[in-house]
Amino acid sequence: MAYLIGGLLALAVGGGASLFGLDRDRVFYPTILIVVPSYYALFAVMGGSSRTLAGEVTVVAVFVAASITGFKYSLWLVAAALAMHGVFDIFHNLLIVNPGAPVWWPRFCSTYDVVAAGYLACLLLRGRLAANAR
């Protein structure tokens, strides 16, 4: 169920953003790339583990850097980083034990990330969004 909801939600967010013009600005998907990994930091706070929080903040920093770089240079980097976060979600529990994260979260988040990356890639391939900053 987590896979289905993650995929449908990513399509709904992407489709809604396109429908209402929210993704006309290059900042929309880079912002998603910042928010998505930040949930793990929230879960670390909820779980009460400062060690886990330190690990999660380190990971968040990597994706924030990818988001900023992708925004400044190419949204293809943002699409790739979203997909990479989806892969990271699959292995998250092997790398960082986060007691505050719901057990279904990695499945949900992984699917959301990969579908969102695919949606962004489709927009870039169709020329609906400019890949490179001008």
C-alpha atoms as a PDB file:
ATOM      1  CA  MET A   1       0.000   0.000   0.000  1.00  0.00           C
ATOM      2  CA  ALA A   2       2.886   2.376   0.788  1.00  0.00           C
ATOM      3  CA  TYR A   3       4.214   1.902  -2.758  1.00  0.00           C
ATOM      4  CA  LEU A   4       0.842   2.653  -4.336  1.00  0.00           C
ATOM      5  CA  ILE A   5       0.208   5.752  -2.221  1.00  0.00           C
ATOM      6  CA  GLY A   6       3.743   7.065  -2.770  1.00  0.00           C
ATOM      7  CA  GLY A   7       3.445   6.713  -6.537  1.00  0.00           C
ATOM      8  CA  LEU A   8      -0.043   8.167  -6.767  1.00  0.00           C
ATOM      9  CA  LEU A   9       0.868  11.083  -4.514  1.00  0.00           C
ATOM     10  CA  ALA A  10       3.949  11.904  -6.611  1.00  0.00           C
ATOM     11  CA  LEU A  11       1.818  11.908  -9.771  1.00  0.00           C
ATOM     12  CA  ALA A  12      -0.852  14.024  -8.072  1.00  0.00           C
ATOM     13  CA  VAL A  13       1.692  16.576  -6.823  1.00  0.00           C
ATOM     14  CA  GLY A  14       3.528  16.730 -10.157  1.00  0.00           C
ATOM     15  CA  GLY A  15       0.331  16.745 -12.212  1.00  0.00           C
ATOM     16  CA  GLY A  16      -1.271  19.368  -9.994  1.00  0.00           C
ATOM     17  CA  ALA A  17       1.849  21.528 -10.138  1.00  0.00           C
ATOM     18  CA  SER A  18       1.817  21.323 -13.938  1.00  0.00           C
ATOM     19  CA  LEU A  19      -1.928  21.893 -14.187  1.00  0.00           C
ATOM     20  CA  PHE A  20      -1.887  24.997 -12.007  1.00  0.00           C
ATOM     21  CA  GLY A  21       1.475  26.307 -13.215  1.00  0.00           C
ATOM     22  CA  LEU A  22       3.250  25.873  -9.895  1.00  0.00           C
ATOM     23  CA  ASP A  23       6.206  24.215 -11.625  1.00  0.00           C
ATOM     24  CA  ARG A  24       6.763  27.026 -14.150  1.00  0.00           C
ATOM     25  CA  ASP A  25       9.469  28.340 -11.892  1.00  0.00           C
ATOM     26  CA  ARG A  26      12.673  26.281 -11.753  1.00  0.00           C
ATOM     27  CA  VAL A  27      12.550  26.246  -7.953  1.00  0.00           C
ATOM     28  CA  PHE A  28       9.617  23.833  -7.552  1.00  0.00           C
ATOM     29  CA  TYR A  29      11.433  20.501  -7.894  1.00  0.00           C
ATOM     30  CA  PRO A  30      14.624  21.655  -6.143  1.00  0.00           C
ATOM     31  CA  THR A  31      12.402  22.599  -3.190  1.00  0.00           C
ATOM     32  CA  ILE A  32      10.875  19.121  -3.190  1.00  0.00           C
ATOM     33  CA  LEU A  33      14.416  17.717  -3.178  1.00  0.00           C
ATOM     34  CA  ILE A  34      15.110  19.685   0.005  1.00  0.00           C
ATOM     35  CA  VAL A  35      11.855  18.793   1.760  1.00  0.00           C
ATOM     36  CA  VAL A  36      11.793  15.050   1.044  1.00  0.00           C
ATOM     37  CA  PRO A  37      15.009  14.056   2.885  1.00  0.00           C
ATOM     38  CA  SER A  38      14.232  16.532   5.672  1.00  0.00           C
ATOM     39  CA  TYR A  39      11.473  14.240   6.925  1.00  0.00           C
ATOM     40  CA  TYR A  40      14.101  11.798   8.147  1.00  0.00           C
ATOM     41  CA  ALA A  41      15.573  14.566  10.328  1.00  0.00           C
ATOM     42  CA  LEU A  42      12.094  15.229  11.709  1.00  0.00           C
ATOM     43  CA  PHE A  43      11.701  11.537  12.472  1.00  0.00           C
ATOM     44  CA  ALA A  44      15.066  11.554  14.273  1.00  0.00           C
ATOM     45  CA  VAL A  45      13.858  14.401  16.489  1.00  0.00           C
ATOM     46  CA  MET A  46      10.609  12.536  17.135  1.00  0.00           C
ATOM     47  CA  GLY A  47      12.624   9.423  18.015  1.00  0.00           C
ATOM     48  CA  GLY A  48      14.746  11.420  20.458  1.00  0.00           C
ATOM     49  CA  SER A  49      18.107  10.342  19.071  1.00  0.00           C
ATOM     50  CA  SER A  50      20.739  13.052  18.614  1.00  0.00           C
ATOM     51  CA  ARG A  51      23.144  10.546  17.065  1.00  0.00           C
ATOM     52  CA  THR A  52      20.531   9.639  14.461  1.00  0.00           C
ATOM     53  CA  LEU A  53      19.766  13.325  13.932  1.00  0.00           C
ATOM     54  CA  ALA A  54      23.439  14.020  13.191  1.00  0.00           C
ATOM     55  CA  GLY A  55      23.477  11.285  10.564  1.00  0.00           C
ATOM     56  CA  GLU A  56      20.218  12.438   9.006  1.00  0.00           C
ATOM     57  CA  VAL A  57      21.319  16.094   8.889  1.00  0.00           C
ATOM     58  CA  THR A  58      24.478  15.025   7.074  1.00  0.00           C
ATOM     59  CA  VAL A  59      22.389  13.246   4.446  1.00  0.00           C
ATOM     60  CA  VAL A  60      20.009  16.213   4.189  1.00  0.00           C
ATOM     61  CA  ALA A  61      22.995  18.507   3.587  1.00  0.00           C
ATOM     62  CA  VAL A  62      24.086  16.382   0.613  1.00  0.00           C
ATOM     63  CA  PHE A  63      20.646  16.649  -0.975  1.00  0.00           C
ATOM     64  CA  VAL A  64      20.388  20.386  -0.222  1.00  0.00           C
ATOM     65  CA  ALA A  65      23.722  20.853  -2.020  1.00  0.00           C
ATOM     66  CA  ALA A  66      22.436  18.796  -4.976  1.00  0.00           C
ATOM     67  CA  SER A  67      19.245  20.862  -4.988  1.00  0.00           C
ATOM     68  CA  ILE A  68      21.072  24.183  -5.079  1.00  0.00           C
ATOM     69  CA  THR A  69      23.539  22.982  -7.700  1.00  0.00           C
ATOM     70  CA  GLY A  70      20.735  21.566  -9.839  1.00  0.00           C
ATOM     71  CA  PHE A  71      18.738  24.774  -9.527  1.00  0.00           C
ATOM     72  CA  LYS A  72      21.712  26.879 -10.580  1.00  0.00           C
ATOM     73  CA  TYR A  73      22.917  24.661 -13.437  1.00  0.00           C
ATOM     74  CA  SER A  74      20.601  21.863 -14.588  1.00  0.00           C
ATOM     75  CA  LEU A  75      17.343  20.361 -13.393  1.00  0.00           C
ATOM     76  CA  TRP A  76      18.660  17.024 -14.681  1.00  0.00           C
ATOM     77  CA  LEU A  77      20.788  16.952 -11.537  1.00  0.00           C
ATOM     78  CA  VAL A  78      17.644  17.453  -9.453  1.00  0.00           C
ATOM     79  CA  ALA A  79      15.913  14.566 -11.259  1.00  0.00           C
ATOM     80  CA  ALA A  80      18.956  12.357 -10.717  1.00  0.00           C
ATOM     81  CA  ALA A  81      19.216  13.341  -7.046  1.00  0.00           C
ATOM     82  CA  LEU A  82      15.511  12.589  -6.484  1.00  0.00           C
ATOM     83  CA  ALA A  83      16.033   9.147  -8.007  1.00  0.00           C
ATOM     84  CA  MET A  84      19.165   8.656  -5.886  1.00  0.00           C
ATOM     85  CA  HIS A  85      17.202   9.529  -2.763  1.00  0.00           C
ATOM     86  CA  GLY A  86      14.681   6.895  -3.798  1.00  0.00           C
ATOM     87  CA  VAL A  87      17.492   4.338  -3.925  1.00  0.00           C
ATOM     88  CA  PHE A  88      18.860   5.646  -0.629  1.00  0.00           C
ATOM     89  CA  ASP A  89      15.435   5.055   0.951  1.00  0.00           C
ATOM     90  CA  ILE A  90      15.695   1.360   0.110  1.00  0.00           C
ATOM     91  CA  PHE A  91      18.965   1.053   2.042  1.00  0.00           C
ATOM     92  CA  HIS A  92      18.246   3.712   4.678  1.00  0.00           C
ATOM     93  CA  ASN A  93      17.634   1.326   7.568  1.00  0.00           C
ATOM     94  CA  LEU A  94      20.928  -0.454   6.860  1.00  0.00           C
ATOM     95  CA  LEU A  95      22.826   2.848   7.034  1.00  0.00           C
ATOM     96  CA  ILE A  96      20.961   4.865   9.672  1.00  0.00           C
ATOM     97  CA  VAL A  97      18.639   3.388  12.268  1.00  0.00           C
ATOM     98  CA  ASN A  98      15.952   5.985  12.869  1.00  0.00           C
ATOM     99  CA  PRO A  99      13.560   4.979  15.665  1.00  0.00           C
ATOM    100  CA  GLY A 100      11.167   7.826  14.859  1.00  0.00           C
ATOM    101  CA  ALA A 101      10.564   6.813  11.232  1.00  0.00           C
ATOM    102  CA  PRO A 102       7.402   4.838  10.531  1.00  0.00           C
ATOM    103  CA  VAL A 103       8.173   1.331   9.256  1.00  0.00           C
ATOM    104  CA  TRP A 104       6.334   2.023   5.990  1.00  0.00           C
ATOM    105  CA  TRP A 105       8.135   5.332   5.295  1.00  0.00           C
ATOM    106  CA  PRO A 106      11.100   4.027   3.270  1.00  0.00           C
ATOM    107  CA  ARG A 107       8.754   2.204   0.856  1.00  0.00           C
ATOM    108  CA  PHE A 108       6.482   5.225   0.514  1.00  0.00           C
ATOM    109  CA  CYS A 109       9.315   7.737   0.162  1.00  0.00           C
ATOM    110  CA  SER A 110      11.307   5.594  -2.261  1.00  0.00           C
ATOM    111  CA  THR A 111       8.343   5.272  -4.594  1.00  0.00           C
ATOM    112  CA  TYR A 112       7.472   8.953  -4.293  1.00  0.00           C
ATOM    113  CA  ASP A 113      11.051   9.975  -5.100  1.00  0.00           C
ATOM    114  CA  VAL A 114      11.463   7.705  -8.126  1.00  0.00           C
ATOM    115  CA  VAL A 115       8.066   8.637  -9.601  1.00  0.00           C
ATOM    116  CA  ALA A 116       8.707  12.359  -8.987  1.00  0.00           C
ATOM    117  CA  ALA A 117      12.130  12.019 -10.651  1.00  0.00           C
ATOM    118  CA  GLY A 118      10.508  10.296 -13.617  1.00  0.00           C
ATOM    119  CA  TYR A 119       7.823  12.972 -13.867  1.00  0.00           C
ATOM    120  CA  LEU A 120      10.449  15.727 -13.804  1.00  0.00           C
ATOM    121  CA  ALA A 121      12.502  13.868 -16.435  1.00  0.00           C
ATOM    122  CA  CYS A 122       9.415  13.671 -18.680  1.00  0.00           C
ATOM    123  CA  LEU A 123       8.854  17.414 -18.307  1.00  0.00           C
ATOM    124  CA  LEU A 124      12.489  18.079 -19.216  1.00  0.00           C
ATOM    125  CA  LEU A 125      12.449  15.713 -22.204  1.00  0.00           C
ATOM    126  CA  ARG A 126       9.242  17.268 -23.553  1.00  0.00           C
ATOM    127  CA  GLY A 127      10.647  20.771 -23.136  1.00  0.00           C
ATOM    128  CA  ARG A 128       7.932  21.793 -20.657  1.00  0.00           C
ATOM    129  CA  LEU A 129      10.674  22.951 -18.291  1.00  0.00           C
ATOM    130  CA  ALA A 130      14.053  24.366 -19.234  1.00  0.00           C
ATOM    131  CA  ALA A 131      16.749  22.057 -17.932  1.00  0.00           C
ATOM    132  CA  ASN A 132      19.478  24.672 -17.755  1.00  0.00           C
ATOM    133  CA  ALA A 133      19.446  28.003 -15.960  1.00  0.00           C
ATOM    134  CA  ARG A 134      19.636  30.942 -18.292  1.00  0.00           C
END
